[in-house]
Amino acid sequence: MDVLTYLIPISLVLGGIGLAAFFWALKTRQFEDPDGDAQRILRTDYDDEPKED
């Protein structure tokens, strides 16, 4: 039970850091162009295979 006195505050701090990182990503508009990402995956002008010499 003594371990819980360490694990609970550590988990709360890590959860708070994760939540702060999420809000920072929202504030800096990291999720601004979801439609562009959806269209980019369908484009055919990118070649996934290596070029032969």
C-alpha atoms as a PDB file:
ATOM      1  CA  MET A   1       0.000   0.000   0.000  1.00  0.00           C
ATOM      2  CA  ASP A   2       2.954   2.328   0.467  1.00  0.00           C
ATOM      3  CA  VAL A   3       3.620   2.108  -3.256  1.00  0.00           C
ATOM      4  CA  LEU A   4       0.273   3.796  -3.967  1.00  0.00           C
ATOM      5  CA  THR A   5       1.464   6.942  -2.205  1.00  0.00           C
ATOM      6  CA  TYR A   6       4.068   7.256  -4.974  1.00  0.00           C
ATOM      7  CA  LEU A   7       2.158   5.886  -7.953  1.00  0.00           C
ATOM      8  CA  ILE A   8      -0.985   8.001  -7.614  1.00  0.00           C
ATOM      9  CA  PRO A   9       0.801  11.399  -7.617  1.00  0.00           C
ATOM     10  CA  ILE A  10       3.129  10.269 -10.415  1.00  0.00           C
ATOM     11  CA  SER A  11       0.180   9.164 -12.550  1.00  0.00           C
ATOM     12  CA  LEU A  12      -1.633  12.447 -11.880  1.00  0.00           C
ATOM     13  CA  VAL A  13       1.441  14.468 -12.882  1.00  0.00           C
ATOM     14  CA  LEU A  14       1.936  12.440 -16.072  1.00  0.00           C
ATOM     15  CA  GLY A  15      -1.745  12.754 -16.923  1.00  0.00           C
ATOM     16  CA  GLY A  16      -1.538  16.510 -16.378  1.00  0.00           C
ATOM     17  CA  ILE A  17       1.507  16.732 -18.667  1.00  0.00           C
ATOM     18  CA  GLY A  18      -0.370  14.802 -21.348  1.00  0.00           C
ATOM     19  CA  LEU A  19      -3.410  17.039 -20.984  1.00  0.00           C
ATOM     20  CA  ALA A  20      -1.243  20.172 -21.154  1.00  0.00           C
ATOM     21  CA  ALA A  21       0.436  18.840 -24.324  1.00  0.00           C
ATOM     22  CA  PHE A  22      -2.972  18.206 -25.883  1.00  0.00           C
ATOM     23  CA  PHE A  23      -4.195  21.720 -25.090  1.00  0.00           C
ATOM     24  CA  TRP A  24      -0.919  23.158 -26.412  1.00  0.00           C
ATOM     25  CA  ALA A  25      -1.446  21.260 -29.683  1.00  0.00           C
ATOM     26  CA  LEU A  26      -4.972  22.673 -29.931  1.00  0.00           C
ATOM     27  CA  LYS A  27      -3.776  26.205 -29.199  1.00  0.00           C
ATOM     28  CA  THR A  28      -1.007  26.082 -31.840  1.00  0.00           C
ATOM     29  CA  ARG A  29      -3.468  24.705 -34.442  1.00  0.00           C
ATOM     30  CA  GLN A  30      -1.738  21.366 -34.978  1.00  0.00           C
ATOM     31  CA  PHE A  31      -5.065  19.813 -36.046  1.00  0.00           C
ATOM     32  CA  GLU A  32      -6.000  22.519 -38.536  1.00  0.00           C
ATOM     33  CA  ASP A  33      -6.109  20.593 -41.844  1.00  0.00           C
ATOM     34  CA  PRO A  34      -7.716  17.149 -41.441  1.00  0.00           C
ATOM     35  CA  ASP A  35      -9.270  17.318 -44.938  1.00  0.00           C
ATOM     36  CA  GLY A  36      -5.879  17.957 -46.520  1.00  0.00           C
ATOM     37  CA  ASP A  37      -4.453  14.873 -44.820  1.00  0.00           C
ATOM     38  CA  ALA A  38      -7.398  12.796 -46.003  1.00  0.00           C
ATOM     39  CA  GLN A  39      -6.889  13.933 -49.600  1.00  0.00           C
ATOM     40  CA  ARG A  40      -3.097  13.623 -49.498  1.00  0.00           C
ATOM     41  CA  ILE A  41      -3.269   9.867 -48.891  1.00  0.00           C
ATOM     42  CA  LEU A  42      -5.307   9.393 -52.097  1.00  0.00           C
ATOM     43  CA  ARG A  43      -2.894  11.233 -54.405  1.00  0.00           C
ATOM     44  CA  THR A  44      -1.094   9.180 -57.024  1.00  0.00           C
ATOM     45  CA  ASP A  45       1.843  11.475 -57.767  1.00  0.00           C
ATOM     46  CA  TYR A  46       3.901   9.864 -54.980  1.00  0.00           C
ATOM     47  CA  ASP A  47       5.705   6.631 -55.802  1.00  0.00           C
ATOM     48  CA  ASP A  48       6.273   4.206 -52.944  1.00  0.00           C
ATOM     49  CA  GLU A  49       8.532   1.894 -54.896  1.00  0.00           C
ATOM     50  CA  PRO A  50      12.254   2.609 -55.286  1.00  0.00           C
ATOM     51  CA  LYS A  51      13.479   3.644 -58.720  1.00  0.00           C
ATOM     52  CA  GLU A  52      15.415   1.059 -60.698  1.00  0.00           C
ATOM     53  CA  ASP A  53      18.821   2.061 -62.052  1.00  0.00           C
END
